[in-house]
Each structure stands twice: as C-alpha cells, then as structure tokens.
mmCIF file of all heavy atoms, coordinates in Angstrom:
data_MODEL
# 
_entry.id   MODEL 
# 
loop_
_atom_site.group_PDB 
_atom_site.id 
_atom_site.type_symbol 
_atom_site.label_atom_id 
_atom_site.label_alt_id 
_atom_site.label_comp_id 
_atom_site.label_asym_id 
_atom_site.label_entity_id 
_atom_site.label_seq_id 
_atom_site.pdbx_PDB_ins_code 
_atom_site.Cartn_x 
_atom_site.Cartn_y 
_atom_site.Cartn_z 
_atom_site.occupancy 
_atom_site.B_iso_or_equiv 
_atom_site.pdbx_formal_charge 
_atom_site.auth_seq_id 
_atom_site.auth_comp_id 
_atom_site.auth_asym_id 
_atom_site.auth_atom_id 
_atom_site.pdbx_PDB_model_num 
ATOM 1   N N   . LEU A 1 1  ? -120.117 -1.851 -8.567  1.00 0.00 ? 1  LEU A N   1 
ATOM 2   C CA  . LEU A 1 1  ? -120.743 -0.589 -8.982  1.00 0.00 ? 1  LEU A CA  1 
ATOM 3   C C   . LEU A 1 1  ? -120.788 0.398  -7.838  1.00 0.00 ? 1  LEU A C   1 
ATOM 4   O O   . LEU A 1 1  ? -120.919 1.595  -8.074  1.00 0.00 ? 1  LEU A O   1 
ATOM 5   C CB  . LEU A 1 1  ? -122.147 -0.863 -9.498  1.00 0.00 ? 1  LEU A CB  1 
ATOM 6   C CG  . LEU A 1 1  ? -122.253 -1.835 -10.685 1.00 0.00 ? 1  LEU A CG  1 
ATOM 7   C CD1 . LEU A 1 1  ? -123.716 -2.089 -11.028 1.00 0.00 ? 1  LEU A CD1 1 
ATOM 8   C CD2 . LEU A 1 1  ? -121.516 -1.272 -11.900 1.00 0.00 ? 1  LEU A CD2 1 
ATOM 9   N N   . ALA A 1 2  ? -120.672 -0.060 -6.603  1.00 0.00 ? 2  ALA A N   1 
ATOM 10  C CA  . ALA A 1 2  ? -120.711 0.847  -5.450  1.00 0.00 ? 2  ALA A CA  1 
ATOM 11  C C   . ALA A 1 2  ? -119.523 1.803  -5.440  1.00 0.00 ? 2  ALA A C   1 
ATOM 12  O O   . ALA A 1 2  ? -119.574 2.837  -4.763  1.00 0.00 ? 2  ALA A O   1 
ATOM 13  C CB  . ALA A 1 2  ? -120.788 0.059  -4.160  1.00 0.00 ? 2  ALA A CB  1 
ATOM 14  N N   . SER A 1 3  ? -118.477 1.470  -6.172  1.00 0.00 ? 3  SER A N   1 
ATOM 15  C CA  . SER A 1 3  ? -117.311 2.354  -6.206  1.00 0.00 ? 3  SER A CA  1 
ATOM 16  C C   . SER A 1 3  ? -117.542 3.572  -7.090  1.00 0.00 ? 3  SER A C   1 
ATOM 17  O O   . SER A 1 3  ? -116.784 4.540  -7.024  1.00 0.00 ? 3  SER A O   1 
ATOM 18  C CB  . SER A 1 3  ? -116.072 1.579  -6.709  1.00 0.00 ? 3  SER A CB  1 
ATOM 19  O OG  . SER A 1 3  ? -116.264 1.181  -8.048  1.00 0.00 ? 3  SER A OG  1 
ATOM 20  N N   . ARG A 1 4  ? -118.549 3.528  -7.942  1.00 0.00 ? 4  ARG A N   1 
ATOM 21  C CA  . ARG A 1 4  ? -118.897 4.668  -8.784  1.00 0.00 ? 4  ARG A CA  1 
ATOM 22  C C   . ARG A 1 4  ? -119.922 5.535  -8.072  1.00 0.00 ? 4  ARG A C   1 
ATOM 23  O O   . ARG A 1 4  ? -120.975 5.041  -7.657  1.00 0.00 ? 4  ARG A O   1 
ATOM 24  C CB  . ARG A 1 4  ? -119.489 4.231  -10.125 1.00 0.00 ? 4  ARG A CB  1 
ATOM 25  C CG  . ARG A 1 4  ? -118.677 3.170  -10.869 1.00 0.00 ? 4  ARG A CG  1 
ATOM 26  C CD  . ARG A 1 4  ? -117.364 3.688  -11.409 1.00 0.00 ? 4  ARG A CD  1 
ATOM 27  N NE  . ARG A 1 4  ? -116.895 2.936  -12.553 1.00 0.00 ? 4  ARG A NE  1 
ATOM 28  C CZ  . ARG A 1 4  ? -116.341 1.745  -12.514 1.00 0.00 ? 4  ARG A CZ  1 
ATOM 29  N NH1 . ARG A 1 4  ? -116.165 1.134  -11.329 1.00 0.00 ? 4  ARG A NH1 1 
ATOM 30  N NH2 . ARG A 1 4  ? -115.947 1.132  -13.639 1.00 0.00 ? 4  ARG A NH2 1 
ATOM 31  N N   . PRO A 1 5  ? -119.687 6.819  -7.873  1.00 0.00 ? 5  PRO A N   1 
ATOM 32  C CA  . PRO A 1 5  ? -120.677 7.662  -7.157  1.00 0.00 ? 5  PRO A CA  1 
ATOM 33  C C   . PRO A 1 5  ? -122.020 7.630  -7.884  1.00 0.00 ? 5  PRO A C   1 
ATOM 34  O O   . PRO A 1 5  ? -122.115 8.009  -9.056  1.00 0.00 ? 5  PRO A O   1 
ATOM 35  C CB  . PRO A 1 5  ? -120.054 9.038  -7.222  1.00 0.00 ? 5  PRO A CB  1 
ATOM 36  C CG  . PRO A 1 5  ? -118.584 8.836  -7.488  1.00 0.00 ? 5  PRO A CG  1 
ATOM 37  C CD  . PRO A 1 5  ? -118.489 7.601  -8.314  1.00 0.00 ? 5  PRO A CD  1 
ATOM 38  N N   . PHE A 1 6  ? -123.077 7.153  -7.187  1.00 0.00 ? 6  PHE A N   1 
ATOM 39  C CA  . PHE A 1 6  ? -124.384 7.077  -7.863  1.00 0.00 ? 6  PHE A CA  1 
ATOM 40  C C   . PHE A 1 6  ? -124.871 8.426  -8.297  1.00 0.00 ? 6  PHE A C   1 
ATOM 41  O O   . PHE A 1 6  ? -125.545 8.567  -9.315  1.00 0.00 ? 6  PHE A O   1 
ATOM 42  C CB  . PHE A 1 6  ? -125.404 6.398  -6.996  1.00 0.00 ? 6  PHE A CB  1 
ATOM 43  C CG  . PHE A 1 6  ? -126.770 6.406  -7.628  1.00 0.00 ? 6  PHE A CG  1 
ATOM 44  C CD1 . PHE A 1 6  ? -127.038 5.566  -8.696  1.00 0.00 ? 6  PHE A CD1 1 
ATOM 45  C CD2 . PHE A 1 6  ? -127.751 7.321  -7.239  1.00 0.00 ? 6  PHE A CD2 1 
ATOM 46  C CE1 . PHE A 1 6  ? -128.252 5.619  -9.338  1.00 0.00 ? 6  PHE A CE1 1 
ATOM 47  C CE2 . PHE A 1 6  ? -128.976 7.341  -7.853  1.00 0.00 ? 6  PHE A CE2 1 
ATOM 48  C CZ  . PHE A 1 6  ? -129.233 6.494  -8.929  1.00 0.00 ? 6  PHE A CZ  1 
ATOM 49  N N   . ALA A 1 7  ? -124.569 9.485  -7.508  1.00 0.00 ? 7  ALA A N   1 
ATOM 50  C CA  . ALA A 1 7  ? -125.043 10.803 -7.889  1.00 0.00 ? 7  ALA A CA  1 
ATOM 51  C C   . ALA A 1 7  ? -124.505 11.221 -9.266  1.00 0.00 ? 7  ALA A C   1 
ATOM 52  O O   . ALA A 1 7  ? -125.196 11.916 -10.003 1.00 0.00 ? 7  ALA A O   1 
ATOM 53  C CB  . ALA A 1 7  ? -124.613 11.841 -6.833  1.00 0.00 ? 7  ALA A CB  1 
ATOM 54  N N   . ARG A 1 8  ? -123.323 10.780 -9.608  1.00 0.00 ? 8  ARG A N   1 
ATOM 55  C CA  . ARG A 1 8  ? -122.755 11.044 -10.948 1.00 0.00 ? 8  ARG A CA  1 
ATOM 56  C C   . ARG A 1 8  ? -123.493 10.232 -11.980 1.00 0.00 ? 8  ARG A C   1 
ATOM 57  O O   . ARG A 1 8  ? -123.826 10.758 -13.080 1.00 0.00 ? 8  ARG A O   1 
ATOM 58  C CB  . ARG A 1 8  ? -121.263 10.735 -10.957 1.00 0.00 ? 8  ARG A CB  1 
ATOM 59  C CG  . ARG A 1 8  ? -120.611 10.794 -12.335 1.00 0.00 ? 8  ARG A CG  1 
ATOM 60  C CD  . ARG A 1 8  ? -120.748 12.145 -12.992 1.00 0.00 ? 8  ARG A CD  1 
ATOM 61  N NE  . ARG A 1 8  ? -119.932 12.227 -14.232 1.00 0.00 ? 8  ARG A NE  1 
ATOM 62  C CZ  . ARG A 1 8  ? -120.075 13.125 -15.164 1.00 0.00 ? 8  ARG A CZ  1 
ATOM 63  N NH1 . ARG A 1 8  ? -121.038 14.080 -14.996 1.00 0.00 ? 8  ARG A NH1 1 
ATOM 64  N NH2 . ARG A 1 8  ? -119.313 13.114 -16.233 1.00 0.00 ? 8  ARG A NH2 1 
ATOM 65  N N   . VAL A 1 9  ? -123.794 8.980  -11.680 1.00 0.00 ? 9  VAL A N   1 
ATOM 66  C CA  . VAL A 1 9  ? -124.542 8.163  -12.609 1.00 0.00 ? 9  VAL A CA  1 
ATOM 67  C C   . VAL A 1 9  ? -125.927 8.755  -12.843 1.00 0.00 ? 9  VAL A C   1 
ATOM 68  O O   . VAL A 1 9  ? -126.415 8.820  -13.993 1.00 0.00 ? 9  VAL A O   1 
ATOM 69  C CB  . VAL A 1 9  ? -124.694 6.709  -12.060 1.00 0.00 ? 9  VAL A CB  1 
ATOM 70  C CG1 . VAL A 1 9  ? -125.622 5.904  -12.929 1.00 0.00 ? 9  VAL A CG1 1 
ATOM 71  C CG2 . VAL A 1 9  ? -123.321 6.046  -11.956 1.00 0.00 ? 9  VAL A CG2 1 
ATOM 72  N N   . ALA A 1 10 ? -126.577 9.219  -11.734 1.00 0.00 ? 10 ALA A N   1 
ATOM 73  C CA  . ALA A 1 10 ? -127.892 9.819  -11.873 1.00 0.00 ? 10 ALA A CA  1 
ATOM 74  C C   . ALA A 1 10 ? -127.859 11.069 -12.726 1.00 0.00 ? 10 ALA A C   1 
ATOM 75  O O   . ALA A 1 10 ? -128.770 11.343 -13.490 1.00 0.00 ? 10 ALA A O   1 
ATOM 76  C CB  . ALA A 1 10 ? -128.454 10.135 -10.488 1.00 0.00 ? 10 ALA A CB  1 
ATOM 77  N N   . GLN A 1 11 ? -126.762 11.828 -12.594 1.00 0.00 ? 11 GLN A N   1 
ATOM 78  C CA  . GLN A 1 11 ? -126.607 13.068 -13.383 1.00 0.00 ? 11 GLN A CA  1 
ATOM 79  C C   . GLN A 1 11 ? -126.533 12.720 -14.881 1.00 0.00 ? 11 GLN A C   1 
ATOM 80  O O   . GLN A 1 11 ? -127.164 13.380 -15.701 1.00 0.00 ? 11 GLN A O   1 
ATOM 81  C CB  . GLN A 1 11 ? -125.334 13.791 -12.900 1.00 0.00 ? 11 GLN A CB  1 
ATOM 82  C CG  . GLN A 1 11 ? -125.045 15.094 -13.589 1.00 0.00 ? 11 GLN A CG  1 
ATOM 83  C CD  . GLN A 1 11 ? -123.717 15.676 -13.139 1.00 0.00 ? 11 GLN A CD  1 
ATOM 84  O OE1 . GLN A 1 11 ? -122.649 15.328 -13.632 1.00 0.00 ? 11 GLN A OE1 1 
ATOM 85  N NE2 . GLN A 1 11 ? -123.764 16.551 -12.152 1.00 0.00 ? 11 GLN A NE2 1 
ATOM 86  N N   . LEU A 1 12 ? -125.772 11.678 -15.190 1.00 0.00 ? 12 LEU A N   1 
ATOM 87  C CA  . LEU A 1 12 ? -125.612 11.277 -16.587 1.00 0.00 ? 12 LEU A CA  1 
ATOM 88  C C   . LEU A 1 12 ? -126.902 10.726 -17.159 1.00 0.00 ? 12 LEU A C   1 
ATOM 89  O O   . LEU A 1 12 ? -127.235 10.930 -18.357 1.00 0.00 ? 12 LEU A O   1 
ATOM 90  C CB  . LEU A 1 12 ? -124.475 10.280 -16.728 1.00 0.00 ? 12 LEU A CB  1 
ATOM 91  C CG  . LEU A 1 12 ? -123.083 10.822 -16.452 1.00 0.00 ? 12 LEU A CG  1 
ATOM 92  C CD1 . LEU A 1 12 ? -122.086 9.662  -16.341 1.00 0.00 ? 12 LEU A CD1 1 
ATOM 93  C CD2 . LEU A 1 12 ? -122.650 11.771 -17.580 1.00 0.00 ? 12 LEU A CD2 1 
ATOM 94  N N   . LEU A 1 13 ? -127.656 10.001 -16.352 1.00 0.00 ? 13 LEU A N   1 
ATOM 95  C CA  . LEU A 1 13 ? -128.902 9.384  -16.821 1.00 0.00 ? 13 LEU A CA  1 
ATOM 96  C C   . LEU A 1 13 ? -130.122 10.352 -16.771 1.00 0.00 ? 13 LEU A C   1 
ATOM 97  O O   . LEU A 1 13 ? -131.121 10.103 -17.408 1.00 0.00 ? 13 LEU A O   1 
ATOM 98  C CB  . LEU A 1 13 ? -129.236 8.148  -16.025 1.00 0.00 ? 13 LEU A CB  1 
ATOM 99  C CG  . LEU A 1 13 ? -128.359 6.912  -16.272 1.00 0.00 ? 13 LEU A CG  1 
ATOM 100 C CD1 . LEU A 1 13 ? -128.698 5.806  -15.256 1.00 0.00 ? 13 LEU A CD1 1 
ATOM 101 C CD2 . LEU A 1 13 ? -128.542 6.395  -17.676 1.00 0.00 ? 13 LEU A CD2 1 
ATOM 102 N N   . GLY A 1 14 ? -129.990 11.398 -15.967 1.00 0.00 ? 14 GLY A N   1 
ATOM 103 C CA  . GLY A 1 14 ? -131.135 12.283 -15.757 1.00 0.00 ? 14 GLY A CA  1 
ATOM 104 C C   . GLY A 1 14 ? -132.134 11.725 -14.757 1.00 0.00 ? 14 GLY A C   1 
ATOM 105 O O   . GLY A 1 14 ? -133.329 11.998 -14.864 1.00 0.00 ? 14 GLY A O   1 
ATOM 106 N N   . VAL A 1 15 ? -131.669 10.936 -13.804 1.00 0.00 ? 15 VAL A N   1 
ATOM 107 C CA  . VAL A 1 15 ? -132.539 10.344 -12.785 1.00 0.00 ? 15 VAL A CA  1 
ATOM 108 C C   . VAL A 1 15 ? -132.992 11.418 -11.802 1.00 0.00 ? 15 VAL A C   1 
ATOM 109 O O   . VAL A 1 15 ? -132.175 12.161 -11.250 1.00 0.00 ? 15 VAL A O   1 
ATOM 110 C CB  . VAL A 1 15 ? -131.815 9.182  -12.042 1.00 0.00 ? 15 VAL A CB  1 
ATOM 111 C CG1 . VAL A 1 15 ? -132.693 8.638  -10.930 1.00 0.00 ? 15 VAL A CG1 1 
ATOM 112 C CG2 . VAL A 1 15 ? -131.420 8.105  -13.021 1.00 0.00 ? 15 VAL A CG2 1 
ATOM 113 N N   . ARG A 1 16 ? -134.295 11.477 -11.553 1.00 0.00 ? 16 ARG A N   1 
ATOM 114 C CA  . ARG A 1 16 ? -134.823 12.396 -10.558 1.00 0.00 ? 16 ARG A CA  1 
ATOM 115 C C   . ARG A 1 16 ? -135.436 11.697 -9.376  1.00 0.00 ? 16 ARG A C   1 
ATOM 116 O O   . ARG A 1 16 ? -135.848 12.287 -8.384  1.00 0.00 ? 16 ARG A O   1 
ATOM 117 C CB  . ARG A 1 16 ? -135.909 13.264 -11.192 1.00 0.00 ? 16 ARG A CB  1 
ATOM 118 C CG  . ARG A 1 16 ? -135.390 14.150 -12.347 1.00 0.00 ? 16 ARG A CG  1 
ATOM 119 C CD  . ARG A 1 16 ? -134.486 15.266 -11.817 1.00 0.00 ? 16 ARG A CD  1 
ATOM 120 N NE  . ARG A 1 16 ? -133.986 16.116 -12.882 1.00 0.00 ? 16 ARG A NE  1 
ATOM 121 C CZ  . ARG A 1 16 ? -132.839 15.942 -13.491 1.00 0.00 ? 16 ARG A CZ  1 
ATOM 122 N NH1 . ARG A 1 16 ? -132.067 14.938 -13.139 1.00 0.00 ? 16 ARG A NH1 1 
ATOM 123 N NH2 . ARG A 1 16 ? -132.447 16.746 -14.452 1.00 0.00 ? 16 ARG A NH2 1 
ATOM 124 N N   . ASP A 1 17 ? -135.534 10.368 -9.426  1.00 0.00 ? 17 ASP A N   1 
ATOM 125 C CA  . ASP A 1 17 ? -136.161 9.557  -8.423  1.00 0.00 ? 17 ASP A CA  1 
ATOM 126 C C   . ASP A 1 17 ? -135.158 9.234  -7.291  1.00 0.00 ? 17 ASP A C   1 
ATOM 127 O O   . ASP A 1 17 ? -133.948 9.407  -7.463  1.00 0.00 ? 17 ASP A O   1 
ATOM 128 C CB  . ASP A 1 17 ? -136.652 8.245  -9.040  1.00 0.00 ? 17 ASP A CB  1 
ATOM 129 C CG  . ASP A 1 17 ? -137.700 7.555  -8.189  1.00 0.00 ? 17 ASP A CG  1 
ATOM 130 O OD1 . ASP A 1 17 ? -138.357 8.243  -7.390  1.00 0.00 ? 17 ASP A OD1 1 
ATOM 131 O OD2 . ASP A 1 17 ? -137.877 6.338  -8.348  1.00 0.00 ? 17 ASP A OD2 1 
ATOM 132 N N   . ALA A 1 18 ? -135.705 8.764  -6.161  1.00 0.00 ? 18 ALA A N   1 
ATOM 133 C CA  . ALA A 1 18 ? -134.890 8.374  -5.002  1.00 0.00 ? 18 ALA A CA  1 
ATOM 134 C C   . ALA A 1 18 ? -135.160 6.892  -4.701  1.00 0.00 ? 18 ALA A C   1 
ATOM 135 O O   . ALA A 1 18 ? -136.241 6.356  -5.037  1.00 0.00 ? 18 ALA A O   1 
ATOM 136 C CB  . ALA A 1 18 ? -135.200 9.223  -3.795  1.00 0.00 ? 18 ALA A CB  1 
ATOM 137 N N   . PRO A 1 19 ? -134.201 6.163  -4.067  1.00 0.00 ? 19 PRO A N   1 
ATOM 138 C CA  . PRO A 1 19 ? -134.450 4.757  -3.754  1.00 0.00 ? 19 PRO A CA  1 
ATOM 139 C C   . PRO A 1 19 ? -135.733 4.578  -2.943  1.00 0.00 ? 19 PRO A C   1 
ATOM 140 O O   . PRO A 1 19 ? -136.046 5.327  -2.041  1.00 0.00 ? 19 PRO A O   1 
ATOM 141 C CB  . PRO A 1 19 ? -133.219 4.419  -2.918  1.00 0.00 ? 19 PRO A CB  1 
ATOM 142 C CG  . PRO A 1 19 ? -132.142 5.325  -3.421  1.00 0.00 ? 19 PRO A CG  1 
ATOM 143 C CD  . PRO A 1 19 ? -132.853 6.620  -3.695  1.00 0.00 ? 19 PRO A CD  1 
ATOM 144 N N   . ARG A 1 20 ? -136.468 3.506  -3.299  1.00 0.00 ? 20 ARG A N   1 
ATOM 145 C CA  . ARG A 1 20 ? -137.754 3.225  -2.636  1.00 0.00 ? 20 ARG A CA  1 
ATOM 146 C C   . ARG A 1 20 ? -137.706 1.994  -1.765  1.00 0.00 ? 20 ARG A C   1 
ATOM 147 O O   . ARG A 1 20 ? -138.528 1.808  -0.855  1.00 0.00 ? 20 ARG A O   1 
ATOM 148 C CB  . ARG A 1 20 ? -138.826 3.058  -3.703  1.00 0.00 ? 20 ARG A CB  1 
ATOM 149 C CG  . ARG A 1 20 ? -139.041 4.314  -4.531  1.00 0.00 ? 20 ARG A CG  1 
ATOM 150 C CD  . ARG A 1 20 ? -140.190 4.119  -5.486  1.00 0.00 ? 20 ARG A CD  1 
ATOM 151 N NE  . ARG A 1 20 ? -140.315 5.266  -6.402  1.00 0.00 ? 20 ARG A NE  1 
ATOM 152 C CZ  . ARG A 1 20 ? -141.383 5.415  -7.210  1.00 0.00 ? 20 ARG A CZ  1 
ATOM 153 N NH1 . ARG A 1 20 ? -142.327 4.515  -7.253  1.00 0.00 ? 20 ARG A NH1 1 
ATOM 154 N NH2 . ARG A 1 20 ? -141.415 6.487  -8.006  1.00 0.00 ? 20 ARG A NH2 1 
ATOM 155 N N   . PHE A 1 21 ? -136.823 1.005  -2.093  1.00 0.00 ? 21 PHE A N   1 
ATOM 156 C CA  . PHE A 1 21 ? -136.676 -0.195 -1.307  1.00 0.00 ? 21 PHE A CA  1 
ATOM 157 C C   . PHE A 1 21 ? -135.169 -0.369 -1.098  1.00 0.00 ? 21 PHE A C   1 
ATOM 158 O O   . PHE A 1 21 ? -134.431 -0.635 -2.040  1.00 0.00 ? 21 PHE A O   1 
ATOM 159 C CB  . PHE A 1 21 ? -137.290 -1.377 -2.023  1.00 0.00 ? 21 PHE A CB  1 
ATOM 160 C CG  . PHE A 1 21 ? -137.329 -2.667 -1.221  1.00 0.00 ? 21 PHE A CG  1 
ATOM 161 C CD1 . PHE A 1 21 ? -137.292 -2.642 0.161   1.00 0.00 ? 21 PHE A CD1 1 
ATOM 162 C CD2 . PHE A 1 21 ? -137.390 -3.875 -1.841  1.00 0.00 ? 21 PHE A CD2 1 
ATOM 163 C CE1 . PHE A 1 21 ? -137.340 -3.800 0.903   1.00 0.00 ? 21 PHE A CE1 1 
ATOM 164 C CE2 . PHE A 1 21 ? -137.427 -5.066 -1.125  1.00 0.00 ? 21 PHE A CE2 1 
ATOM 165 C CZ  . PHE A 1 21 ? -137.414 -5.026 0.250   1.00 0.00 ? 21 PHE A CZ  1 
ATOM 166 N N   . VAL A 1 22 ? -134.755 -0.222 0.155   1.00 0.00 ? 22 VAL A N   1 
ATOM 167 C CA  . VAL A 1 22 ? -133.323 -0.260 0.518   1.00 0.00 ? 22 VAL A CA  1 
ATOM 168 C C   . VAL A 1 22 ? -133.090 -1.301 1.583   1.00 0.00 ? 22 VAL A C   1 
ATOM 169 O O   . VAL A 1 22 ? -133.840 -1.341 2.592   1.00 0.00 ? 22 VAL A O   1 
ATOM 170 C CB  . VAL A 1 22 ? -132.815 1.117  1.006   1.00 0.00 ? 22 VAL A CB  1 
ATOM 171 C CG1 . VAL A 1 22 ? -131.338 1.073  1.351   1.00 0.00 ? 22 VAL A CG1 1 
ATOM 172 C CG2 . VAL A 1 22 ? -133.066 2.176  -0.070  1.00 0.00 ? 22 VAL A CG2 1 
ATOM 173 N N   . VAL A 1 23 ? -132.077 -2.121 1.415   1.00 0.00 ? 23 VAL A N   1 
ATOM 174 C CA  . VAL A 1 23 ? -131.724 -3.140 2.402   1.00 0.00 ? 23 VAL A CA  1 
ATOM 175 C C   . VAL A 1 23 ? -130.266 -2.989 2.726   1.00 0.00 ? 23 VAL A C   1 
ATOM 176 O O   . VAL A 1 23 ? -129.375 -3.065 1.815   1.00 0.00 ? 23 VAL A O   1 
ATOM 177 C CB  . VAL A 1 23 ? -132.028 -4.577 1.904   1.00 0.00 ? 23 VAL A CB  1 
ATOM 178 C CG1 . VAL A 1 23 ? -131.697 -5.586 2.999   1.00 0.00 ? 23 VAL A CG1 1 
ATOM 179 C CG2 . VAL A 1 23 ? -133.474 -4.709 1.433   1.00 0.00 ? 23 VAL A CG2 1 
ATOM 180 N N   . SER A 1 24 ? -129.911 -2.794 3.976   1.00 0.00 ? 24 SER A N   1 
ATOM 181 C CA  . SER A 1 24 ? -128.542 -2.609 4.421   1.00 0.00 ? 24 SER A CA  1 
ATOM 182 C C   . SER A 1 24 ? -128.161 -3.781 5.335   1.00 0.00 ? 24 SER A C   1 
ATOM 183 O O   . SER A 1 24 ? -128.989 -4.223 6.164   1.00 0.00 ? 24 SER A O   1 
ATOM 184 C CB  . SER A 1 24 ? -128.373 -1.297 5.164   1.00 0.00 ? 24 SER A CB  1 
ATOM 185 O OG  . SER A 1 24 ? -127.075 -1.196 5.735   1.00 0.00 ? 24 SER A OG  1 
# 
C-alpha cells in the first residue's frame, strides 16, 4: 500500500486527520 500516495487516498476518503502513532 506504500506505493499508493496516501495523500490521494486521503483525498478520496475525505481524511482530515494526521498520523498520531508512527514507527519508522
């Protein structure tokens, strides 16, 4: 799923939130 730009996914879903727990 990382190959799909998340910003595009967020646009389609109407997501306004930002990641809250991130592990790299």
